[in-house]
């Protein structure tokens, strides 16, 4: 488990389901199968960092997660969530990616 702060006032930033514990639950078995301790993972369009936080815990201190997110409010929440979960293996890149 991880602790994840969200913005309950903004549905464009944080889906209400993130706080309910059912947010994209179908991805968790895939993360567990594909993201192994020591891996490097890219979270492109990291939103508030829910997946990035889970993945950083999953890959452990020998792995690393790079979270790409252009929205400044989301970036604030990613940094807050990384700090709250004491993650030193999560790097925020506050940019959008395209071609």
C-alpha atoms as a PDB file:
ATOM      1  CA  UNK A   1       0.000   0.000   0.000  1.00  0.00           C
ATOM      2  CA  UNK A   2       0.900   3.600  -0.518  1.00  0.00           C
ATOM      3  CA  UNK A   3      -0.412   6.905   0.721  1.00  0.00           C
ATOM      4  CA  UNK A   4      -1.555   9.180  -2.078  1.00  0.00           C
ATOM      5  CA  UNK A   5      -2.815  12.744  -1.706  1.00  0.00           C
ATOM      6  CA  UNK A   6      -5.316  13.840  -4.313  1.00  0.00           C
ATOM      7  CA  UNK A   7      -7.239  17.014  -5.112  1.00  0.00           C
ATOM      8  CA  UNK A   8     -10.862  16.210  -4.302  1.00  0.00           C
ATOM      9  CA  UNK A   9     -12.010  19.545  -5.707  1.00  0.00           C
ATOM     10  CA  UNK A  10     -10.665  19.019  -9.218  1.00  0.00           C
ATOM     11  CA  UNK A  11     -12.031  16.128 -11.248  1.00  0.00           C
ATOM     12  CA  UNK A  12      -9.712  17.057 -14.105  1.00  0.00           C
ATOM     13  CA  UNK A  13      -6.699  16.426 -11.886  1.00  0.00           C
ATOM     14  CA  UNK A  14      -7.780  13.539  -9.659  1.00  0.00           C
ATOM     15  CA  UNK A  15     -10.412  11.024 -10.562  1.00  0.00           C
ATOM     16  CA  UNK A  16     -12.650  10.296  -7.552  1.00  0.00           C
ATOM     17  CA  UNK A  17     -11.820   6.616  -7.943  1.00  0.00           C
ATOM     18  CA  UNK A  18      -8.175   7.200  -6.953  1.00  0.00           C
ATOM     19  CA  UNK A  19      -9.300   7.813  -3.390  1.00  0.00           C
ATOM     20  CA  UNK A  20     -11.641   4.836  -3.434  1.00  0.00           C
ATOM     21  CA  UNK A  21      -8.898   2.248  -4.008  1.00  0.00           C
ATOM     22  CA  UNK A  22     -10.340   0.969  -7.299  1.00  0.00           C
ATOM     23  CA  UNK A  23      -8.528   3.307  -9.681  1.00  0.00           C
ATOM     24  CA  UNK A  24      -7.381   1.221 -12.660  1.00  0.00           C
ATOM     25  CA  UNK A  25      -7.148  -1.891 -10.485  1.00  0.00           C
ATOM     26  CA  UNK A  26      -6.814  -4.029 -13.630  1.00  0.00           C
ATOM     27  CA  UNK A  27      -3.278  -2.653 -14.090  1.00  0.00           C
ATOM     28  CA  UNK A  28      -1.937  -3.812 -10.732  1.00  0.00           C
ATOM     29  CA  UNK A  29      -1.424  -7.483 -11.715  1.00  0.00           C
ATOM     30  CA  UNK A  30       0.398  -6.313 -14.851  1.00  0.00           C
ATOM     31  CA  UNK A  31       2.619  -3.987 -12.853  1.00  0.00           C
ATOM     32  CA  UNK A  32       3.463  -6.844 -10.492  1.00  0.00           C
ATOM     33  CA  UNK A  33       4.297  -9.145 -13.397  1.00  0.00           C
ATOM     34  CA  UNK A  34       6.260  -6.687 -15.559  1.00  0.00           C
ATOM     35  CA  UNK A  35       7.891  -4.299 -13.078  1.00  0.00           C
ATOM     36  CA  UNK A  36      10.459  -6.155 -11.045  1.00  0.00           C
ATOM     37  CA  UNK A  37      12.829  -5.035  -8.315  1.00  0.00           C
ATOM     38  CA  UNK A  38      15.724  -3.151  -9.875  1.00  0.00           C
ATOM     39  CA  UNK A  39      13.824  -2.115 -13.026  1.00  0.00           C
ATOM     40  CA  UNK A  40      13.689   1.405 -14.458  1.00  0.00           C
ATOM     41  CA  UNK A  41      10.130   2.482 -15.260  1.00  0.00           C
ATOM     42  CA  UNK A  42       8.690   5.488 -17.129  1.00  0.00           C
ATOM     43  CA  UNK A  43       5.286   6.807 -16.051  1.00  0.00           C
ATOM     44  CA  UNK A  44       4.268   9.054 -18.948  1.00  0.00           C
ATOM     45  CA  UNK A  45       1.341  11.267 -18.017  1.00  0.00           C
ATOM     46  CA  UNK A  46       1.761  10.546 -14.320  1.00  0.00           C
ATOM     47  CA  UNK A  47      -1.277  12.547 -13.150  1.00  0.00           C
ATOM     48  CA  UNK A  48      -0.938  12.804  -9.334  1.00  0.00           C
ATOM     49  CA  UNK A  49       1.635  10.031  -9.140  1.00  0.00           C
ATOM     50  CA  UNK A  50      -0.538   7.160  -7.927  1.00  0.00           C
ATOM     51  CA  UNK A  51       0.999   4.664 -10.350  1.00  0.00           C
ATOM     52  CA  UNK A  52       4.469   6.197 -10.062  1.00  0.00           C
ATOM     53  CA  UNK A  53       4.300   5.779  -6.289  1.00  0.00           C
ATOM     54  CA  UNK A  54       3.152   2.159  -6.533  1.00  0.00           C
ATOM     55  CA  UNK A  55       5.813   1.419  -9.134  1.00  0.00           C
ATOM     56  CA  UNK A  56       8.586   3.057  -7.095  1.00  0.00           C
ATOM     57  CA  UNK A  57       7.694   0.801  -4.180  1.00  0.00           C
ATOM     58  CA  UNK A  58       7.580  -2.187  -6.529  1.00  0.00           C
ATOM     59  CA  UNK A  59      11.003  -1.630  -8.158  1.00  0.00           C
ATOM     60  CA  UNK A  60      12.568  -0.880  -4.781  1.00  0.00           C
ATOM     61  CA  UNK A  61      15.689   1.079  -3.922  1.00  0.00           C
ATOM     62  CA  UNK A  62      17.727  -0.585  -6.681  1.00  0.00           C
ATOM     63  CA  UNK A  63      15.182   0.503  -9.322  1.00  0.00           C
ATOM     64  CA  UNK A  64      13.945   3.903 -10.420  1.00  0.00           C
ATOM     65  CA  UNK A  65      10.746   5.521 -11.692  1.00  0.00           C
ATOM     66  CA  UNK A  66      10.697   8.612 -13.906  1.00  0.00           C
ATOM     67  CA  UNK A  67       7.336  10.384 -13.770  1.00  0.00           C
ATOM     68  CA  UNK A  68       6.544  12.741 -16.673  1.00  0.00           C
ATOM     69  CA  UNK A  69       3.736  15.217 -15.957  1.00  0.00           C
ATOM     70  CA  UNK A  70       3.264  18.747 -17.372  1.00  0.00           C
ATOM     71  CA  UNK A  71       0.452  19.928 -15.062  1.00  0.00           C
ATOM     72  CA  UNK A  72       1.985  21.980 -12.220  1.00  0.00           C
ATOM     73  CA  UNK A  73      -0.695  21.044  -9.655  1.00  0.00           C
ATOM     74  CA  UNK A  74      -0.211  17.364 -10.456  1.00  0.00           C
ATOM     75  CA  UNK A  75       3.556  17.856 -10.109  1.00  0.00           C
ATOM     76  CA  UNK A  76       3.037  19.288  -6.646  1.00  0.00           C
ATOM     77  CA  UNK A  77       1.007  16.228  -5.676  1.00  0.00           C
ATOM     78  CA  UNK A  78       3.579  13.822  -7.161  1.00  0.00           C
ATOM     79  CA  UNK A  79       6.323  15.418  -5.073  1.00  0.00           C
ATOM     80  CA  UNK A  80       4.094  15.375  -1.981  1.00  0.00           C
ATOM     81  CA  UNK A  81       3.241  11.699  -2.527  1.00  0.00           C
ATOM     82  CA  UNK A  82       6.890  10.755  -3.071  1.00  0.00           C
ATOM     83  CA  UNK A  83       7.833  12.528   0.156  1.00  0.00           C
ATOM     84  CA  UNK A  84       4.914  11.048   2.092  1.00  0.00           C
ATOM     85  CA  UNK A  85       5.954   7.545   1.023  1.00  0.00           C
ATOM     86  CA  UNK A  86       9.680   8.264   1.605  1.00  0.00           C
ATOM     87  CA  UNK A  87      10.580   7.424  -1.981  1.00  0.00           C
ATOM     88  CA  UNK A  88      14.073   8.361  -3.107  1.00  0.00           C
ATOM     89  CA  UNK A  89      13.824   6.384  -6.349  1.00  0.00           C
ATOM     90  CA  UNK A  90      11.161   8.535  -8.027  1.00  0.00           C
ATOM     91  CA  UNK A  91      12.185  11.455 -10.241  1.00  0.00           C
ATOM     92  CA  UNK A  92       9.634  13.974 -11.502  1.00  0.00           C
ATOM     93  CA  UNK A  93      10.170  15.473 -14.932  1.00  0.00           C
ATOM     94  CA  UNK A  94       7.633  18.334 -15.260  1.00  0.00           C
ATOM     95  CA  UNK A  95       7.296  18.114 -19.031  1.00  0.00           C
ATOM     96  CA  UNK A  96       4.917  16.742 -21.647  1.00  0.00           C
ATOM     97  CA  UNK A  97       6.129  14.085 -24.056  1.00  0.00           C
ATOM     98  CA  UNK A  98       5.172  13.724 -27.709  1.00  0.00           C
ATOM     99  CA  UNK A  99       6.780  12.627 -30.952  1.00  0.00           C
END
